[in-house]
Amino acid sequence: MKTIVLPLCAAMMCLVFLTPTVWGQTPTPNANLSTIGLIPVPGWTTAAGAFDLASFDPLNRIMYFADGTNHAITSVDTTTNTFISSITPPGCTQNQCPSGIQVVPDLQKLVVTNRQTTDWIYDLRSPGAPPVALTVPSGTDELDYDPVHQRIYVANTNAPFFLTGIDMAGPNANTVVAQIPLPGNPEQPRFNPVDGMIYMAIPSVGLLVIDPTAGAAGTGDIVATLTAGGSGNVPTIAACGPQGNDIDPVTNTMLIGCRGSVNGEAVLNLTNRTMLSFQPYPTTNDVLKFNPNNRRWYTGTGGNLNNGGNCPSTSSGTVFPVLGVFAAPPVGSTSLNATFVGTQCAGRGGQRAMVDTIGNNIYMNAVQYPPNPASATSGQSGILVFNDPAPTQPTPARSQAAFGSNGTVTFTQGGRTMYVFARLQGLTDAPTRLVVTSTVGNETVACNEAAGQATCTGTLIGDPLIGGVALLANNGKVLSKGTIAAVPALLVTDLKLDKTSVAAGGLFNVSISGANLSVQTYFDVRFGAPGGSAYIVAPNWQTGDFGSHAVPAGTPTGTWTINGVRPHQDPADHTGGFFPVSAAITVQ
């Protein structure tokens, strides 16, 4: 069943947007997003309709919502913005069930929490299969995925508080491997791809830094507690009372929703652990999300108390629900600070902002849209969808990240596919993987390791994030990391033969022209044999942009055609697409 997005407002409903400015409050700029529509969810009404958390699967472009109203996992097709289905986990009938939800993209699993003592793990590759049920500490809620260790870390909101680690793969797959005591009621844990740590928000304390390799079992422990970092009008981390948060891996900065002794949003430099700035509006931010594709943060601030002059209030007359937008600085900027872009009018109850990092759509819950200062029952409930037209990150044809003496990972665009290749050394004979910050999130590439060396090949769903990082994980730890940077692309524009015919046993010369080619460039060619209909690939057919080739005795006579050339720097790298060329030679 699919439900189409409804038009946002009939003429009379739109009149609520004419509410006059409340003088004395801080005006806010408009974020200039496009409001796509409202996705109706069966069972939602203006009396009850909300999700707690949501998670995006970039492989299938589906957003999964923890729909506490229906006690279900509600899914939406983000390419059409239509309702797909609502599936109820076994025994999920109590309040706030489900609560948290997290896609594990590389394993195609879905982890669901429920504020009780059971969490569920669904295999997205086996629709309809029953989930794995796990016994966990009471009150599990927010969670995040550590792709280095393929482990979920989930926090519980009933004392005693823990950060629980659940392995998603390996010998302990689908089991609890860590229970790290926490000093207070937790909010959002967040994996940082820059340093491989988990940052755990504890509003009553500050931020905890958790090393997933620390502790007696080597599955995680607290290695630092961050409470300071402020100066002047910028609050300390403790005063911020951190709640929702997310990280820009290019600047290694975190935007934090503050609801402590100050209310608003703060920017934290995770490298030196100092607070860069504080933005006092919008207020009462709960869950926020970063989109690496356009490097913007989105805050769900349904309880916003600042009018700003743009949006209607709820029936209380004092709450102005908005979506807040913040932008990271451009790559290469001397500033690390985020910029407040503005707000977009949202719906009553819209406390959570979730992002489709491919389509650049933002999803918020709305028990009532549009809000109406005169009534709590007008309008509609559903999932509100916005689109941000801001420019996305550049996609160079070729980029690399250097791991020092361990080697280099190369990203090559071939048509619509982004290929990944690395040949690495200096490794322990143990599982090896790459974690890449891409425009869709943290992606992983599998590696084949033996005798201290590894070859890693694969493709990305998104594009490598320029200025972001790639991590080399070996034997359960981050061995090395490198910054992703654009490098000159290897381009082929033509291939010429010095002869049109040659006798068996003879020689012919080949010159290849293009850009950034050298005597050290390897070339694969794609060719067709006489009378054949299929094309064959000859790897490393030529080294250098000029070469001589012998025609072995016994070569079948007839016309041989070359229609594609693939340049590469590493003789083992046969990823990427072919450049089209046209050349032929007849063997006599």
Protein backbone atom coordinates (compact mmCIF):
# COMPACT_ATOMS: atom_id res chain seq x y z
CA MET A 1 0.00 0.00 0.00
CA LYS A 2 1.29 3.47 -0.84
CA THR A 3 -0.22 6.74 0.27
CA ILE A 4 0.58 9.80 -1.81
CA VAL A 5 1.76 13.06 -0.25
CA LEU A 6 -1.18 15.40 0.18
CA PRO A 7 -1.10 19.08 -0.82
CA LEU A 8 -0.02 21.07 2.17
CA CYS A 9 -2.86 23.45 2.72
CA ALA A 10 -6.19 24.39 1.40
CA ALA A 11 -6.83 28.09 1.02
CA MET A 12 -8.48 28.55 4.42
CA MET A 13 -5.81 26.54 6.26
CA CYS A 14 -3.07 28.75 4.81
CA LEU A 15 -4.62 31.82 6.44
CA VAL A 16 -2.96 30.88 9.71
CA PHE A 17 0.36 31.92 8.21
CA LEU A 18 -0.83 35.51 8.26
CA THR A 19 -0.39 35.65 12.04
CA PRO A 20 1.33 38.98 12.83
CA THR A 21 4.79 39.25 14.33
CA VAL A 22 5.02 39.22 18.11
CA TRP A 23 7.17 42.27 18.83
CA GLY A 24 9.97 41.93 21.35
CA GLN A 25 11.05 38.49 20.19
CA THR A 26 14.11 37.85 18.02
CA PRO A 27 13.38 37.89 14.27
CA THR A 28 14.80 34.91 12.39
CA PRO A 29 15.64 34.59 8.68
CA ASN A 30 13.71 32.20 6.48
CA ALA A 31 15.64 29.01 5.61
CA ASN A 32 14.17 29.03 2.07
CA LEU A 33 13.42 25.33 1.94
CA SER A 34 10.75 23.88 -0.32
CA THR A 35 7.82 22.37 1.56
CA ILE A 36 7.00 19.21 -0.41
CA GLY A 37 3.99 17.93 1.48
CA LEU A 38 2.55 15.88 4.28
CA ILE A 39 2.62 12.07 4.17
CA PRO A 40 -0.51 10.76 5.94
CA VAL A 41 0.15 7.82 8.26
CA PRO A 42 -2.76 5.44 8.94
CA GLY A 43 -3.78 5.70 12.60
CA TRP A 44 -2.44 9.21 13.11
CA THR A 45 -4.84 12.04 14.01
CA THR A 46 -4.50 15.59 15.25
CA ALA A 47 -4.95 14.12 18.74
CA ALA A 48 -2.07 11.61 18.43
CA GLY A 49 0.51 11.12 15.73
CA ALA A 50 4.29 11.07 16.12
CA PHE A 51 7.50 9.14 15.64
CA ASP A 52 10.36 9.15 18.10
CA LEU A 53 13.44 8.50 15.97
CA ALA A 54 14.01 7.58 12.33
CA SER A 55 16.85 6.16 10.22
CA PHE A 56 17.60 6.29 6.49
CA ASP A 57 18.69 3.30 4.39
CA PRO A 58 20.69 4.79 1.48
CA LEU A 59 20.83 1.47 -0.36
CA ASN A 60 17.06 1.18 -0.84
CA ARG A 61 16.22 4.84 -0.16
CA ILE A 62 13.72 3.98 2.54
CA MET A 63 13.25 5.94 5.77
CA TYR A 64 12.24 3.88 8.80
CA PHE A 65 10.34 5.60 11.62
CA ALA A 66 9.86 4.45 15.22
CA ASP A 67 6.11 5.05 15.19
CA GLY A 68 5.03 5.05 18.82
CA THR A 69 1.44 5.96 17.89
CA ASN A 70 0.90 2.74 15.93
CA HIS A 71 3.48 0.73 17.95
CA ALA A 72 5.09 -0.02 14.62
CA ILE A 73 8.07 0.42 12.33
CA THR A 74 6.63 2.75 9.71
CA SER A 75 8.48 3.03 6.41
CA VAL A 76 8.42 5.67 3.68
CA ASP A 77 9.76 5.56 0.12
CA THR A 78 11.92 8.70 -0.07
CA THR A 79 12.02 8.73 -3.88
CA THR A 80 8.25 9.18 -4.10
CA ASN A 81 7.55 10.33 -0.52
CA THR A 82 4.84 7.75 -0.07
CA PHE A 83 3.86 5.57 2.86
CA ILE A 84 4.96 1.92 2.42
CA SER A 85 3.90 0.01 5.51
CA SER A 86 3.72 -0.23 9.29
CA ILE A 87 5.05 -3.41 10.89
CA THR A 88 4.57 -4.13 14.59
CA PRO A 89 7.45 -5.82 16.45
CA PRO A 90 6.41 -8.80 18.61
CA GLY A 91 4.72 -7.65 21.83
CA CYS A 92 5.24 -3.96 21.06
CA THR A 93 2.10 -2.58 22.70
CA GLN A 94 3.25 -0.33 25.54
CA ASN A 95 3.85 3.43 25.53
CA GLN A 96 6.91 4.64 23.56
CA CYS A 97 7.26 1.34 21.74
CA PRO A 98 9.14 1.47 19.46
CA SER A 99 11.45 4.28 20.50
CA GLY A 100 14.84 4.21 18.76
CA ILE A 101 15.64 2.87 15.31
CA GLN A 102 18.92 2.50 13.39
CA VAL A 103 19.78 1.13 9.95
CA VAL A 104 23.06 -0.79 9.69
CA PRO A 105 23.67 -0.11 5.98
CA ASP A 106 26.65 -2.37 5.28
CA LEU A 107 24.90 -5.40 6.85
CA GLN A 108 21.36 -4.40 5.85
CA LYS A 109 20.05 -4.80 9.38
CA LEU A 110 17.59 -2.67 11.33
CA VAL A 111 17.88 -2.29 15.11
CA VAL A 112 14.77 -1.22 17.04
CA THR A 113 14.53 -0.21 20.73
CA ASN A 114 11.41 0.05 22.86
CA ARG A 115 12.02 1.62 26.32
CA GLN A 116 11.53 -1.81 27.89
CA THR A 117 13.95 -4.76 28.17
CA THR A 118 13.78 -6.15 24.62
CA ASP A 119 15.37 -4.82 21.46
CA TRP A 120 14.88 -6.29 17.98
CA ILE A 121 17.21 -6.83 15.04
CA TYR A 122 15.59 -7.18 11.61
CA ASP A 123 17.32 -8.51 8.49
CA LEU A 124 16.30 -6.10 5.71
CA ARG A 125 17.42 -8.65 3.12
CA SER A 126 14.74 -11.06 4.35
CA PRO A 127 11.42 -9.19 4.40
CA GLY A 128 8.85 -10.93 6.57
CA ALA A 129 11.43 -12.87 8.58
CA PRO A 130 10.96 -12.62 12.37
CA PRO A 131 13.44 -10.38 14.15
CA VAL A 132 16.13 -11.47 16.59
CA ALA A 133 15.08 -10.46 20.11
CA LEU A 134 17.72 -9.31 22.62
CA THR A 135 17.39 -8.79 26.38
CA VAL A 136 18.83 -5.39 27.29
CA PRO A 137 18.79 -2.94 30.24
CA SER A 138 15.39 -1.34 30.83
CA GLY A 139 14.49 1.74 28.81
CA THR A 140 16.74 1.49 25.73
CA ASP A 141 16.18 4.49 23.48
CA GLU A 142 18.68 6.42 21.33
CA LEU A 143 21.49 4.62 19.52
CA ASP A 144 24.15 4.86 16.82
CA TYR A 145 26.25 2.52 14.68
CA ASP A 146 30.03 2.08 14.89
CA PRO A 147 31.04 0.82 11.41
CA VAL A 148 34.65 0.18 12.42
CA HIS A 149 33.61 -2.57 14.84
CA GLN A 150 30.21 -3.23 13.26
CA ARG A 151 28.62 -2.57 16.63
CA ILE A 152 25.50 -0.74 17.77
CA TYR A 153 25.77 1.41 20.91
CA VAL A 154 22.42 2.07 22.60
CA ALA A 155 21.64 4.07 25.75
CA ASN A 156 18.82 3.32 28.23
CA THR A 157 16.76 5.92 30.06
CA ASN A 158 15.80 3.94 33.18
CA ALA A 159 18.29 3.81 36.07
CA PRO A 160 20.81 2.28 36.29
CA PHE A 161 22.01 3.86 33.06
CA PHE A 162 24.27 2.10 30.56
CA LEU A 163 25.63 2.39 27.07
CA THR A 164 25.10 -1.12 25.73
CA GLY A 165 27.21 -2.48 22.88
CA ILE A 166 25.64 -5.03 20.51
CA ASP A 167 27.80 -6.73 17.86
CA MET A 168 26.14 -6.87 14.45
CA ALA A 169 28.62 -9.25 12.77
CA GLY A 170 31.41 -11.70 13.60
CA PRO A 171 31.49 -14.49 16.18
CA ASN A 172 29.33 -12.49 18.63
CA ALA A 173 26.77 -11.30 16.10
CA ASN A 174 23.41 -10.27 17.59
CA THR A 175 24.69 -10.42 21.17
CA VAL A 176 25.39 -7.87 23.90
CA VAL A 177 29.17 -7.43 24.26
CA ALA A 178 29.40 -4.31 26.44
CA GLN A 179 27.51 -2.56 29.24
CA ILE A 180 29.26 0.71 30.10
CA PRO A 181 27.85 2.44 33.24
CA LEU A 182 26.78 6.05 32.64
CA PRO A 183 26.73 8.86 35.25
CA GLY A 184 23.30 10.19 34.30
CA ASN A 185 20.23 9.88 32.12
CA PRO A 186 21.52 9.76 28.51
CA GLU A 187 20.39 11.34 25.26
CA GLN A 188 22.08 10.85 21.84
CA PRO A 189 25.22 8.71 21.37
CA ARG A 190 27.11 9.60 18.18
CA PHE A 191 29.92 7.79 16.36
CA ASN A 192 32.64 10.16 15.14
CA PRO A 193 34.33 8.93 11.92
CA VAL A 194 37.22 11.35 12.46
CA ASP A 195 38.58 9.66 15.59
CA GLY A 196 36.50 6.46 15.82
CA MET A 197 35.10 7.44 19.23
CA ILE A 198 31.52 7.47 20.54
CA TYR A 199 30.35 10.79 22.00
CA MET A 200 27.57 10.28 24.56
CA ALA A 201 25.36 13.23 25.56
CA ILE A 202 24.43 13.29 29.26
CA PRO A 203 22.40 16.50 29.86
CA SER A 204 23.17 16.57 33.59
CA VAL A 205 26.92 16.08 33.02
CA GLY A 206 28.14 17.03 29.54
CA LEU A 207 29.64 14.79 26.85
CA LEU A 208 31.35 11.47 27.48
CA VAL A 209 34.06 10.22 25.13
CA ILE A 210 33.93 6.44 24.77
CA ASP A 211 36.69 4.41 23.14
CA PRO A 212 35.14 1.26 21.59
CA THR A 213 38.41 -0.63 22.15
CA ALA A 214 38.84 0.33 25.83
CA GLY A 215 37.71 -1.56 28.93
CA ALA A 216 38.50 -4.99 30.27
CA ALA A 217 36.68 -6.71 27.41
CA GLY A 218 38.00 -4.33 24.75
CA THR A 219 34.44 -3.42 23.72
CA GLY A 220 34.22 0.10 25.12
CA ASP A 221 34.78 2.35 28.11
CA ILE A 222 34.69 6.03 29.06
CA VAL A 223 38.05 7.70 28.40
CA ALA A 224 37.09 11.37 28.94
CA THR A 225 34.29 13.53 30.35
CA LEU A 226 33.83 16.90 28.63
CA THR A 227 32.24 19.64 30.72
CA ALA A 228 34.20 22.85 29.99
CA GLY A 229 35.09 24.49 26.69
CA GLY A 230 33.10 27.74 26.95
CA SER A 231 34.08 31.38 27.35
CA GLY A 232 32.33 34.76 27.42
CA ASN A 233 28.81 34.40 26.08
CA VAL A 234 29.50 30.87 24.84
CA PRO A 235 28.40 28.29 27.44
CA THR A 236 30.43 25.41 28.72
CA ILE A 237 29.48 21.92 27.58
CA ALA A 238 27.95 21.24 30.99
CA ALA A 239 25.88 24.45 30.91
CA CYS A 240 24.65 23.54 27.44
CA GLY A 241 23.04 20.38 28.82
CA PRO A 242 23.63 18.52 25.51
CA GLN A 243 20.84 16.53 23.92
CA GLY A 244 20.55 15.98 20.17
CA ASN A 245 23.86 16.26 18.29
CA ASP A 246 25.61 15.35 15.06
CA ILE A 247 29.07 15.75 13.52
CA ASP A 248 30.53 17.33 10.38
CA PRO A 249 33.55 15.11 9.60
CA VAL A 250 35.19 17.78 7.43
CA THR A 251 35.65 20.28 10.28
CA ASN A 252 35.32 17.73 13.11
CA THR A 253 32.71 19.94 14.74
CA MET A 254 29.49 18.97 16.49
CA LEU A 255 26.25 20.92 16.54
CA ILE A 256 24.54 20.36 19.90
CA GLY A 257 20.99 21.01 20.97
CA CYS A 258 21.29 22.75 24.36
CA ARG A 259 18.53 22.50 26.95
CA GLY A 260 20.50 23.07 30.15
CA SER A 261 20.94 26.45 31.79
CA VAL A 262 20.90 27.84 28.22
CA ASN A 263 18.49 26.96 25.43
CA GLY A 264 19.50 26.89 21.76
CA GLU A 265 22.31 25.40 19.67
CA ALA A 266 26.06 25.30 20.29
CA VAL A 267 29.01 24.38 18.05
CA LEU A 268 31.76 22.28 19.61
CA ASN A 269 35.24 21.85 18.12
CA LEU A 270 35.92 18.17 18.80
CA THR A 271 39.62 18.50 17.95
CA ASN A 272 40.49 20.86 20.80
CA ARG A 273 37.20 20.39 22.69
CA THR A 274 36.28 24.07 22.89
CA MET A 275 32.87 25.60 22.24
CA LEU A 276 32.96 27.86 19.17
CA SER A 277 29.61 29.63 19.39
CA PHE A 278 26.09 29.62 20.76
CA GLN A 279 22.84 30.39 18.92
CA PRO A 280 19.91 31.17 21.29
CA TYR A 281 17.14 30.32 18.81
CA PRO A 282 15.36 28.24 17.82
CA THR A 283 14.81 26.80 21.29
CA THR A 284 13.92 23.40 22.82
CA ASN A 285 15.78 21.40 20.18
CA ASP A 286 15.46 17.65 20.64
CA VAL A 287 16.74 15.45 17.78
CA LEU A 288 18.90 16.90 15.01
CA LYS A 289 20.73 15.46 11.99
CA PHE A 290 23.65 16.37 9.72
CA ASN A 291 23.49 15.93 5.95
CA PRO A 292 27.01 15.40 4.53
CA ASN A 293 25.69 15.86 0.98
CA ASN A 294 25.17 19.60 1.48
CA ARG A 295 26.93 19.83 4.86
CA ARG A 296 23.97 21.26 6.72
CA TRP A 297 22.42 20.44 10.09
CA TYR A 298 18.65 20.32 10.68
CA THR A 299 17.09 20.73 14.11
CA GLY A 300 13.63 19.59 15.15
CA THR A 301 12.35 22.40 17.36
CA GLY A 302 8.63 21.84 17.74
CA GLY A 303 8.71 23.45 21.17
CA ASN A 304 10.41 26.63 19.90
CA LEU A 305 9.45 29.62 22.07
CA ASN A 306 10.75 32.33 19.72
CA ASN A 307 8.23 33.66 17.21
CA GLY A 308 10.77 34.99 14.75
CA GLY A 309 8.01 36.73 12.80
CA ASN A 310 7.55 33.97 10.21
CA CYS A 311 5.42 31.16 11.59
CA PRO A 312 2.11 30.56 13.37
CA SER A 313 1.91 29.35 16.93
CA THR A 314 0.16 26.30 18.27
CA SER A 315 -3.10 26.73 20.17
CA SER A 316 -1.08 27.59 23.27
CA GLY A 317 -0.13 30.85 21.57
CA THR A 318 3.44 30.68 22.90
CA VAL A 319 5.02 27.81 20.93
CA PHE A 320 6.14 28.30 17.30
CA PRO A 321 7.23 24.96 15.73
CA VAL A 322 10.08 25.31 13.25
CA LEU A 323 12.82 23.40 11.48
CA GLY A 324 16.20 25.03 12.15
CA VAL A 325 18.95 25.01 9.51
CA PHE A 326 22.69 25.44 10.13
CA ALA A 327 25.51 25.31 7.54
CA ALA A 328 29.09 24.09 7.94
CA PRO A 329 31.82 26.32 6.42
CA PRO A 330 33.08 25.55 2.90
CA VAL A 331 36.02 23.18 2.47
CA GLY A 332 39.22 25.16 2.95
CA SER A 333 37.64 27.91 5.05
CA THR A 334 39.74 29.35 7.86
CA SER A 335 36.68 29.19 10.13
CA LEU A 336 35.30 26.01 11.65
CA ASN A 337 32.13 27.64 12.93
CA ALA A 338 28.64 26.78 11.69
CA THR A 339 26.34 29.49 10.32
CA PHE A 340 22.70 29.81 11.32
CA VAL A 341 20.82 29.79 7.99
CA GLY A 342 17.30 30.28 9.33
CA THR A 343 14.07 28.47 10.11
CA GLN A 344 11.21 26.88 8.22
CA CYS A 345 7.67 26.68 9.57
CA ALA A 346 6.85 23.20 10.85
CA GLY A 347 3.99 21.36 12.55
CA ARG A 348 2.79 21.02 16.13
CA GLY A 349 4.77 18.36 17.98
CA GLY A 350 7.58 18.32 15.41
CA GLN A 351 10.49 17.60 17.72
CA ARG A 352 12.57 15.40 15.38
CA ALA A 353 14.37 16.19 12.11
CA MET A 354 15.59 13.28 9.97
CA VAL A 355 17.40 13.48 6.62
CA ASP A 356 17.41 11.65 3.30
CA THR A 357 21.07 12.28 2.41
CA ILE A 358 20.55 11.47 -1.29
CA GLY A 359 17.45 13.51 -2.11
CA ASN A 360 18.26 16.19 0.50
CA ASN A 361 14.79 15.88 1.98
CA ILE A 362 14.08 16.50 5.65
CA TYR A 363 11.33 14.67 7.56
CA MET A 364 9.57 15.89 10.70
CA ASN A 365 6.67 14.51 12.68
CA ALA A 366 3.59 16.74 12.79
CA VAL A 367 0.56 15.98 14.92
CA GLN A 368 -1.04 19.06 13.36
CA TYR A 369 -0.09 20.88 10.18
CA PRO A 370 -0.34 23.76 9.86
CA PRO A 371 -0.42 24.80 13.52
CA ASN A 372 -3.44 26.87 14.41
CA PRO A 373 -3.41 29.34 17.31
CA ALA A 374 -7.22 29.07 17.43
CA SER A 375 -7.65 25.27 17.33
CA ALA A 376 -5.83 22.04 18.09
CA THR A 377 -8.01 19.96 15.77
CA SER A 378 -7.74 21.71 12.41
CA GLY A 379 -5.35 20.66 9.66
CA GLN A 380 -3.81 17.21 9.33
CA SER A 381 -1.29 14.92 11.00
CA GLY A 382 1.48 13.07 9.24
CA ILE A 383 5.15 13.18 8.28
CA LEU A 384 6.09 16.61 7.00
CA VAL A 385 8.62 16.69 4.13
CA PHE A 386 10.92 19.55 3.14
CA ASN A 387 13.57 19.78 0.45
CA ASP A 388 16.72 21.85 0.73
CA PRO A 389 17.88 23.22 -2.66
CA ALA A 390 21.28 24.25 -1.27
CA PRO A 391 24.23 23.16 -3.47
CA THR A 392 25.59 19.70 -2.75
CA GLN A 393 29.24 18.80 -2.37
CA PRO A 394 31.45 18.55 -5.51
CA THR A 395 32.05 15.17 -7.11
CA PRO A 396 35.58 14.99 -8.54
CA ALA A 397 36.25 12.23 -11.07
CA ARG A 398 39.12 11.00 -8.91
CA SER A 399 40.13 11.45 -5.28
CA GLN A 400 42.40 9.76 -2.77
CA ALA A 401 43.13 9.40 0.94
CA ALA A 402 46.68 8.52 2.01
CA PHE A 403 47.29 6.15 4.93
CA GLY A 404 51.00 6.92 5.20
CA SER A 405 53.18 3.81 5.02
CA ASN A 406 50.03 1.64 4.92
CA GLY A 407 49.11 2.76 1.39
CA THR A 408 46.50 4.86 -0.38
CA VAL A 409 42.81 4.44 -1.17
CA THR A 410 41.66 5.72 -4.56
CA PHE A 411 38.14 6.70 -5.57
CA THR A 412 37.35 6.73 -9.30
CA GLN A 413 34.10 7.78 -10.90
CA GLY A 414 32.92 5.59 -13.76
CA GLY A 415 29.60 6.78 -15.15
CA ARG A 416 27.19 6.80 -12.21
CA THR A 417 29.35 4.46 -10.12
CA MET A 418 32.04 5.46 -7.62
CA TYR A 419 34.71 2.76 -7.47
CA VAL A 420 37.05 2.21 -4.52
CA PHE A 421 40.47 0.55 -4.65
CA ALA A 422 43.30 0.22 -2.13
CA ARG A 423 46.35 -2.02 -1.90
CA LEU A 424 47.60 -1.85 1.68
CA GLN A 425 50.52 -3.18 3.69
CA GLY A 426 51.89 -3.22 7.23
CA LEU A 427 48.81 -4.97 8.58
CA THR A 428 48.17 -7.58 11.23
CA ASP A 429 46.77 -10.84 9.86
CA ALA A 430 43.24 -10.01 10.96
CA PRO A 431 39.98 -8.64 9.51
CA THR A 432 40.51 -5.38 7.63
CA ARG A 433 37.99 -2.82 6.36
CA LEU A 434 37.76 0.75 5.14
CA VAL A 435 35.32 3.26 6.59
CA VAL A 436 34.72 6.20 4.25
CA THR A 437 32.86 9.43 4.97
CA SER A 438 30.69 9.87 1.90
CA THR A 439 27.90 12.19 0.84
CA VAL A 440 25.33 9.68 2.17
CA GLY A 441 27.03 8.94 5.51
CA ASN A 442 29.63 6.50 6.79
CA GLU A 443 30.18 3.76 4.20
CA THR A 444 32.34 0.65 4.42
CA VAL A 445 34.48 -1.27 1.93
CA ALA A 446 35.52 -4.88 2.54
CA CYS A 447 39.16 -5.97 2.21
CA ASN A 448 40.89 -9.30 1.57
CA GLU A 449 43.85 -9.54 3.95
CA ALA A 450 46.71 -12.07 3.94
CA ALA A 451 50.37 -12.02 5.01
CA GLY A 452 50.21 -8.42 6.24
CA GLN A 453 48.75 -7.06 3.00
CA ALA A 454 45.22 -6.35 1.83
CA THR A 455 43.36 -5.45 -1.33
CA CYS A 456 40.15 -3.50 -0.86
CA THR A 457 37.67 -3.09 -3.70
CA GLY A 458 34.06 -2.03 -3.85
CA THR A 459 31.70 0.79 -4.72
CA LEU A 460 30.11 3.62 -2.77
CA ILE A 461 26.45 4.56 -2.72
CA GLY A 462 27.42 8.21 -2.39
CA ASP A 463 30.58 10.10 -3.32
CA PRO A 464 33.67 10.43 -1.12
CA LEU A 465 33.28 13.55 1.01
CA ILE A 466 36.04 15.95 0.02
CA GLY A 467 37.76 17.11 3.19
CA GLY A 468 36.30 14.15 5.09
CA VAL A 469 38.21 11.11 6.24
CA ALA A 470 38.80 7.48 5.38
CA LEU A 471 39.69 5.11 8.20
CA LEU A 472 41.78 1.96 7.83
CA ALA A 473 40.54 -0.54 10.42
CA ASN A 474 42.64 -3.60 11.12
CA ASN A 475 42.33 -6.16 13.90
CA GLY A 476 39.43 -4.27 15.51
CA LYS A 477 41.22 -0.92 15.74
CA VAL A 478 41.76 2.19 13.63
CA LEU A 479 45.26 1.65 12.26
CA SER A 480 45.45 4.76 10.10
CA LYS A 481 43.34 7.56 8.67
CA GLY A 482 43.62 9.95 5.76
CA THR A 483 41.90 13.09 4.53
CA ILE A 484 39.98 12.68 1.26
CA ALA A 485 41.23 15.10 -1.39
CA ALA A 486 40.58 15.55 -5.09
CA VAL A 487 43.46 14.50 -7.37
CA PRO A 488 43.89 14.93 -11.14
CA ALA A 489 41.76 12.49 -13.08
CA LEU A 490 43.33 10.07 -15.55
CA LEU A 491 41.58 10.83 -18.81
CA VAL A 492 41.83 9.09 -22.20
CA THR A 493 40.68 10.99 -25.28
CA ASP A 494 42.12 8.84 -28.09
CA LEU A 495 44.06 5.69 -28.96
CA LYS A 496 45.96 5.47 -32.25
CA LEU A 497 47.67 2.56 -34.01
CA ASP A 498 50.57 3.19 -36.37
CA LYS A 499 49.32 0.48 -38.75
CA THR A 500 46.02 -0.72 -40.12
CA SER A 501 47.32 -4.24 -40.82
CA VAL A 502 50.10 -6.46 -39.56
CA ALA A 503 51.35 -9.97 -40.21
CA ALA A 504 51.48 -12.59 -37.48
CA GLY A 505 54.86 -12.28 -35.80
CA GLY A 506 55.04 -8.58 -36.61
CA LEU A 507 54.93 -5.42 -34.42
CA PHE A 508 52.67 -2.39 -34.18
CA ASN A 509 52.85 0.74 -32.03
CA VAL A 510 50.12 2.29 -29.88
CA SER A 511 49.92 5.87 -28.60
CA ILE A 512 47.30 6.89 -26.07
CA SER A 513 46.46 10.54 -25.52
CA GLY A 514 44.55 12.29 -22.79
CA ALA A 515 45.28 14.09 -19.51
CA ASN A 516 47.52 13.23 -16.56
CA LEU A 517 48.92 10.12 -18.29
CA SER A 518 52.57 9.13 -17.95
CA VAL A 519 55.09 6.38 -18.57
CA GLN A 520 53.93 4.88 -15.26
CA THR A 521 50.24 4.68 -16.19
CA TYR A 522 48.78 1.22 -16.74
CA PHE A 523 46.13 0.68 -19.40
CA ASP A 524 43.47 -2.02 -19.63
CA VAL A 525 41.91 -2.34 -23.09
CA ARG A 526 38.57 -3.72 -24.16
CA PHE A 527 38.66 -5.38 -27.57
CA GLY A 528 36.77 -7.64 -29.93
CA ALA A 529 38.23 -10.61 -31.84
CA PRO A 530 37.51 -11.29 -35.52
CA GLY A 531 34.02 -12.70 -35.99
CA GLY A 532 33.22 -12.42 -32.27
CA SER A 533 30.25 -10.60 -30.76
CA ALA A 534 31.54 -10.23 -27.18
CA TYR A 535 34.27 -7.90 -26.03
CA ILE A 536 37.26 -9.09 -24.01
CA VAL A 537 39.29 -7.13 -21.43
CA ALA A 538 43.08 -7.34 -21.45
CA PRO A 539 44.36 -6.06 -18.06
CA ASN A 540 47.62 -4.09 -18.05
CA TRP A 541 47.84 -4.40 -21.81
CA GLN A 542 50.19 -1.44 -21.97
CA THR A 543 52.33 0.54 -19.50
CA GLY A 544 52.91 4.16 -20.48
CA ASP A 545 51.15 6.26 -23.08
CA PHE A 546 53.29 4.79 -25.87
CA GLY A 547 54.07 1.11 -26.43
CA SER A 548 55.00 -1.54 -28.99
CA HIS A 549 53.05 -4.79 -29.25
CA ALA A 550 54.04 -8.05 -30.90
CA VAL A 551 51.48 -10.19 -32.71
CA PRO A 552 52.17 -13.78 -31.64
CA ALA A 553 52.40 -16.46 -34.27
CA GLY A 554 49.11 -18.30 -34.64
CA THR A 555 47.00 -15.22 -33.88
CA PRO A 556 43.64 -15.62 -35.70
CA THR A 557 43.50 -13.58 -38.87
CA GLY A 558 40.92 -10.88 -39.40
CA THR A 559 40.10 -7.47 -37.93
CA TRP A 560 40.61 -6.84 -34.21
CA THR A 561 38.85 -3.79 -32.74
CA ILE A 562 39.54 -1.77 -29.60
CA ASN A 563 36.61 0.20 -28.19
CA GLY A 564 37.60 1.07 -24.62
CA VAL A 565 40.63 2.03 -22.50
CA ARG A 566 40.88 2.16 -18.70
CA PRO A 567 43.90 3.97 -17.17
CA HIS A 568 45.10 3.30 -13.63
CA GLN A 569 48.18 3.84 -11.45
CA ASP A 570 48.27 0.53 -9.58
CA PRO A 571 48.74 -2.64 -11.66
CA ALA A 572 46.22 -4.44 -9.43
CA ASP A 573 43.54 -1.77 -9.74
CA HIS A 574 41.02 -2.77 -12.39
CA THR A 575 38.11 -0.75 -11.05
CA GLY A 576 36.44 2.11 -12.82
CA GLY A 577 34.89 2.49 -16.24
CA PHE A 578 36.36 2.48 -19.74
CA PHE A 579 36.85 5.57 -21.88
CA PRO A 580 35.38 4.99 -25.34
CA VAL A 581 37.89 4.85 -28.24
CA SER A 582 37.78 3.42 -31.73
CA ALA A 583 40.73 1.63 -33.32
CA ALA A 584 41.16 -1.46 -35.51
CA ILE A 585 43.96 -3.55 -36.94
CA THR A 586 43.79 -6.47 -39.35
CA VAL A 587 46.01 -9.50 -38.76
CA GLN A 588 46.99 -11.09 -42.09
